[in-house]
Amino acid sequence: MSSTKDKITGKTNEAIGKVKESIGKATDNPDLEGEGLAQQVKGKGQQVKGDVKDAVKRGVDKA
């Protein structure tokens, strides 16, 4: 997966996770709230992965 695709997927997972967390809080559903939080963490990880790929590519391009 490209770095851009990783970042987009990460942002999407974060947004969906925030919605799930909000719905979980509103409906007093701790399972859904937890699922949302986990999805947000996953999304942040995907964005970091994209950033690392960019950094590696910049390093290789300079070499």
C-alpha atoms as a PDB file:
ATOM      1  CA  MET A   1       0.000   0.000   0.000  1.00  0.00           C
ATOM      2  CA  SER A   2       1.357   3.450  -0.826  1.00  0.00           C
ATOM      3  CA  SER A   3       2.052   6.032   1.833  1.00  0.00           C
ATOM      4  CA  THR A   4      -0.818   8.199   0.605  1.00  0.00           C
ATOM      5  CA  LYS A   5      -3.214   5.263   0.684  1.00  0.00           C
ATOM      6  CA  ASP A   6      -2.069   4.392   4.223  1.00  0.00           C
ATOM      7  CA  LYS A   7      -2.725   7.964   5.355  1.00  0.00           C
ATOM      8  CA  ILE A   8      -6.181   8.078   3.729  1.00  0.00           C
ATOM      9  CA  THR A   9      -7.137   4.725   5.215  1.00  0.00           C
ATOM     10  CA  GLY A  10      -5.882   5.914   8.585  1.00  0.00           C
ATOM     11  CA  LYS A  11      -7.935   9.123   8.458  1.00  0.00           C
ATOM     12  CA  THR A  12     -10.998   7.110   7.427  1.00  0.00           C
ATOM     13  CA  ASN A  13     -10.555   4.664  10.305  1.00  0.00           C
ATOM     14  CA  GLU A  14     -10.122   7.531  12.744  1.00  0.00           C
ATOM     15  CA  ALA A  15     -13.306   9.225  11.544  1.00  0.00           C
ATOM     16  CA  ILE A  16     -15.348   6.028  11.653  1.00  0.00           C
ATOM     17  CA  GLY A  17     -13.917   5.251  15.085  1.00  0.00           C
ATOM     18  CA  LYS A  18     -14.950   8.659  16.401  1.00  0.00           C
ATOM     19  CA  VAL A  19     -18.491   8.112  15.132  1.00  0.00           C
ATOM     20  CA  LYS A  20     -18.652   4.666  16.748  1.00  0.00           C
ATOM     21  CA  GLU A  21     -17.298   6.057  20.013  1.00  0.00           C
ATOM     22  CA  SER A  22     -19.885   8.861  19.995  1.00  0.00           C
ATOM     23  CA  ILE A  23     -22.748   6.492  19.234  1.00  0.00           C
ATOM     24  CA  GLY A  24     -21.499   4.128  21.940  1.00  0.00           C
ATOM     25  CA  LYS A  25     -21.491   6.956  24.482  1.00  0.00           C
ATOM     26  CA  ALA A  26     -24.917   8.231  23.383  1.00  0.00           C
ATOM     27  CA  THR A  27     -26.512   4.788  23.550  1.00  0.00           C
ATOM     28  CA  ASP A  28     -24.640   3.704  26.689  1.00  0.00           C
ATOM     29  CA  ASN A  29     -22.977   0.889  24.750  1.00  0.00           C
ATOM     30  CA  PRO A  30     -19.448   0.415  26.144  1.00  0.00           C
ATOM     31  CA  ASP A  31     -18.613  -2.285  23.584  1.00  0.00           C
ATOM     32  CA  LEU A  32     -19.284   0.050  20.658  1.00  0.00           C
ATOM     33  CA  GLU A  33     -17.478   2.871  22.422  1.00  0.00           C
ATOM     34  CA  GLY A  34     -14.424   0.630  22.915  1.00  0.00           C
ATOM     35  CA  GLU A  35     -14.583  -0.553  19.328  1.00  0.00           C
ATOM     36  CA  GLY A  36     -14.540   3.071  18.218  1.00  0.00           C
ATOM     37  CA  LEU A  37     -11.536   3.878  20.361  1.00  0.00           C
ATOM     38  CA  ALA A  38      -9.679   0.847  19.008  1.00  0.00           C
ATOM     39  CA  GLN A  39     -10.461   1.848  15.438  1.00  0.00           C
ATOM     40  CA  GLN A  40      -9.110   5.335  16.109  1.00  0.00           C
ATOM     41  CA  VAL A  41      -5.847   3.865  17.393  1.00  0.00           C
ATOM     42  CA  LYS A  42      -5.640   1.662  14.305  1.00  0.00           C
ATOM     43  CA  GLY A  43      -6.166   4.714  12.105  1.00  0.00           C
ATOM     44  CA  LYS A  44      -3.420   6.660  13.857  1.00  0.00           C
ATOM     45  CA  GLY A  45      -1.092   3.706  13.374  1.00  0.00           C
ATOM     46  CA  GLN A  46      -1.855   3.582   9.664  1.00  0.00           C
ATOM     47  CA  GLN A  47      -1.059   7.277   9.369  1.00  0.00           C
ATOM     48  CA  VAL A  48       2.271   6.768  11.145  1.00  0.00           C
ATOM     49  CA  LYS A  49       3.018   3.912   8.754  1.00  0.00           C
ATOM     50  CA  GLY A  50       2.402   6.278   5.829  1.00  0.00           C
ATOM     51  CA  ASP A  51       4.666   8.908   7.387  1.00  0.00           C
ATOM     52  CA  VAL A  52       7.441   6.333   7.863  1.00  0.00           C
ATOM     53  CA  LYS A  53       7.142   5.233   4.232  1.00  0.00           C
ATOM     54  CA  ASP A  54       7.469   8.885   3.149  1.00  0.00           C
ATOM     55  CA  ALA A  55      10.534   9.366   5.346  1.00  0.00           C
ATOM     56  CA  VAL A  56      12.189   6.222   3.988  1.00  0.00           C
ATOM     57  CA  LYS A  57      11.446   7.271   0.408  1.00  0.00           C
ATOM     58  CA  ARG A  58      12.939  10.735   1.044  1.00  0.00           C
ATOM     59  CA  GLY A  59      16.033   9.074   2.524  1.00  0.00           C
ATOM     60  CA  VAL A  60      16.413   6.764  -0.455  1.00  0.00           C
ATOM     61  CA  ASP A  61      15.875   9.623  -2.922  1.00  0.00           C
ATOM     62  CA  LYS A  62      18.687  11.624  -1.263  1.00  0.00           C
ATOM     63  CA  ALA A  63      21.109   8.686  -1.418  1.00  0.00           C
END
